[in-house]
Amino acid sequence: QVQLVESGGGLVQPGGSLKLSCATSGFTFSEYAMRWYRQPPGKEREFVAAIGADPPSTYYADSVKGRFTIARDNVKNMVYLKMNSLRPEDTAIYYCNRNVFYGQGTQVTVSS
């Protein structure tokens, strides 16, 4: 079955960086586009970034464009989200996604 397991979240100061990872299994990873979503406290889940299968084109929400980078490793079946210049409004639970499948999420808190 499809499994998505996020890691790498934590507490970081404004302006800091984090790299999230998503380990996947249960499907042919290289054939699927992958996405990151986030859910800020008290708000709806929102799209953050996507990466295609082939070619691995990338797409970003306007709110993270230029600060976040999505990448994939088709050998390790991993997808990553490198987050730079973090802001308090980036505080959220971050979820890895493939179609209707989501992981359990990883908490990112940006606070001084």
Protein backbone atom coordinates (compact mmCIF):
# COMPACT_ATOMS: atom_id res chain seq x y z
CA GLN A 1 0.00 0.00 0.00
CA VAL A 2 1.06 3.59 -0.52
CA GLN A 3 3.07 4.95 2.40
CA LEU A 4 4.39 8.48 2.82
CA VAL A 5 6.47 9.33 5.88
CA GLU A 6 7.57 12.91 6.50
CA SER A 7 10.46 13.99 8.69
CA GLY A 8 12.67 16.99 9.33
CA GLY A 9 10.27 19.40 10.98
CA GLY A 10 11.08 21.36 14.10
CA LEU A 11 11.40 24.77 15.73
CA VAL A 12 13.41 27.39 13.84
CA GLN A 13 13.91 31.12 14.21
CA PRO A 14 12.63 33.55 11.58
CA GLY A 15 15.09 33.69 8.70
CA GLY A 16 16.27 30.17 9.36
CA SER A 17 16.16 27.06 7.19
CA LEU A 18 14.83 23.52 7.37
CA LYS A 19 14.82 20.58 4.99
CA LEU A 20 11.84 18.25 5.03
CA SER A 21 12.03 14.72 3.71
CA CYS A 22 9.35 12.28 2.62
CA ALA A 23 10.12 8.59 2.37
CA THR A 24 7.77 6.75 0.05
CA SER A 25 6.93 3.11 -0.60
CA GLY A 26 4.23 0.94 -2.09
CA PHE A 27 4.23 2.38 -5.59
CA THR A 28 6.53 3.10 -8.54
CA PHE A 29 7.79 6.44 -7.30
CA SER A 30 9.38 7.60 -10.55
CA GLU A 31 6.00 7.50 -12.35
CA TYR A 32 4.18 9.98 -10.11
CA ALA A 33 4.17 13.69 -9.49
CA MET A 34 4.59 14.54 -5.82
CA ARG A 35 3.43 17.50 -3.78
CA TRP A 36 3.84 19.20 -0.44
CA TYR A 37 0.89 20.74 1.35
CA ARG A 38 0.68 22.50 4.69
CA GLN A 39 -1.97 23.28 7.26
CA PRO A 40 -1.39 26.36 9.40
CA PRO A 41 -3.03 26.39 12.83
CA GLY A 42 -6.75 27.08 12.53
CA LYS A 43 -6.66 27.16 8.74
CA GLU A 44 -7.37 24.89 5.79
CA ARG A 45 -4.71 22.73 4.18
CA GLU A 46 -2.99 24.56 1.33
CA PHE A 47 -0.76 23.71 -1.60
CA VAL A 48 2.95 24.49 -1.19
CA ALA A 49 4.92 22.88 -4.01
CA ALA A 50 4.82 20.15 -6.65
CA ILE A 51 7.32 18.27 -8.76
CA GLY A 52 6.47 16.33 -11.89
CA ALA A 53 7.46 12.78 -12.75
CA ASP A 54 9.18 13.22 -16.09
CA PRO A 55 10.22 15.89 -16.68
CA PRO A 56 10.50 16.90 -13.01
CA SER A 57 9.00 20.33 -13.52
CA THR A 58 8.41 22.28 -10.34
CA TYR A 59 5.55 24.50 -9.21
CA TYR A 60 5.21 26.69 -6.14
CA ALA A 61 2.60 28.63 -4.26
CA ASP A 62 3.23 32.35 -4.58
CA SER A 63 3.76 32.58 -0.84
CA VAL A 64 6.86 30.34 -0.96
CA LYS A 65 8.25 31.05 -4.43
CA GLY A 66 11.93 31.96 -4.26
CA ARG A 67 12.29 30.63 -0.71
CA PHE A 68 11.34 26.95 -0.96
CA THR A 69 12.75 24.29 -3.30
CA ILE A 70 11.17 20.92 -4.00
CA ALA A 71 13.31 18.04 -5.24
CA ARG A 72 13.09 14.30 -5.75
CA ASP A 73 15.43 11.31 -5.74
CA ASN A 74 14.06 8.50 -7.90
CA VAL A 75 16.71 6.07 -6.64
CA LYS A 76 15.91 6.57 -2.96
CA ASN A 77 12.17 7.14 -3.60
CA MET A 78 12.33 10.37 -1.64
CA VAL A 79 10.91 13.83 -2.07
CA TYR A 80 12.34 16.86 -0.28
CA LEU A 81 11.34 20.41 0.57
CA LYS A 82 14.17 22.82 1.34
CA MET A 83 12.82 25.87 3.11
CA ASN A 84 14.89 29.03 3.43
CA SER A 85 14.15 32.48 4.84
CA LEU A 86 11.41 31.02 7.02
CA ARG A 87 8.73 33.32 8.38
CA PRO A 88 6.31 32.93 11.28
CA GLU A 89 3.50 32.52 8.76
CA ASP A 90 5.21 29.35 7.48
CA THR A 91 4.30 27.68 10.77
CA ALA A 92 2.18 24.65 9.88
CA ILE A 93 1.99 20.91 9.68
CA TYR A 94 3.63 19.94 6.38
CA TYR A 95 2.31 16.96 4.45
CA CYS A 96 3.74 14.92 1.61
CA ASN A 97 1.15 14.04 -1.03
CA ARG A 98 0.58 11.75 -3.98
CA ASN A 99 -2.88 12.03 -5.50
CA VAL A 100 -5.31 11.23 -2.65
CA PHE A 101 -2.62 9.95 -0.29
CA TYR A 102 -1.07 12.01 2.50
CA GLY A 103 1.53 11.24 5.12
CA GLN A 104 1.05 11.87 8.82
CA GLY A 105 2.71 15.28 8.58
CA THR A 106 5.63 16.98 10.27
CA GLN A 107 5.32 20.12 12.39
CA VAL A 108 7.26 23.23 11.41
CA THR A 109 7.25 26.10 13.87
CA VAL A 110 8.91 29.41 13.03
CA SER A 111 9.27 31.54 16.13
CA SER A 112 11.83 33.58 18.03
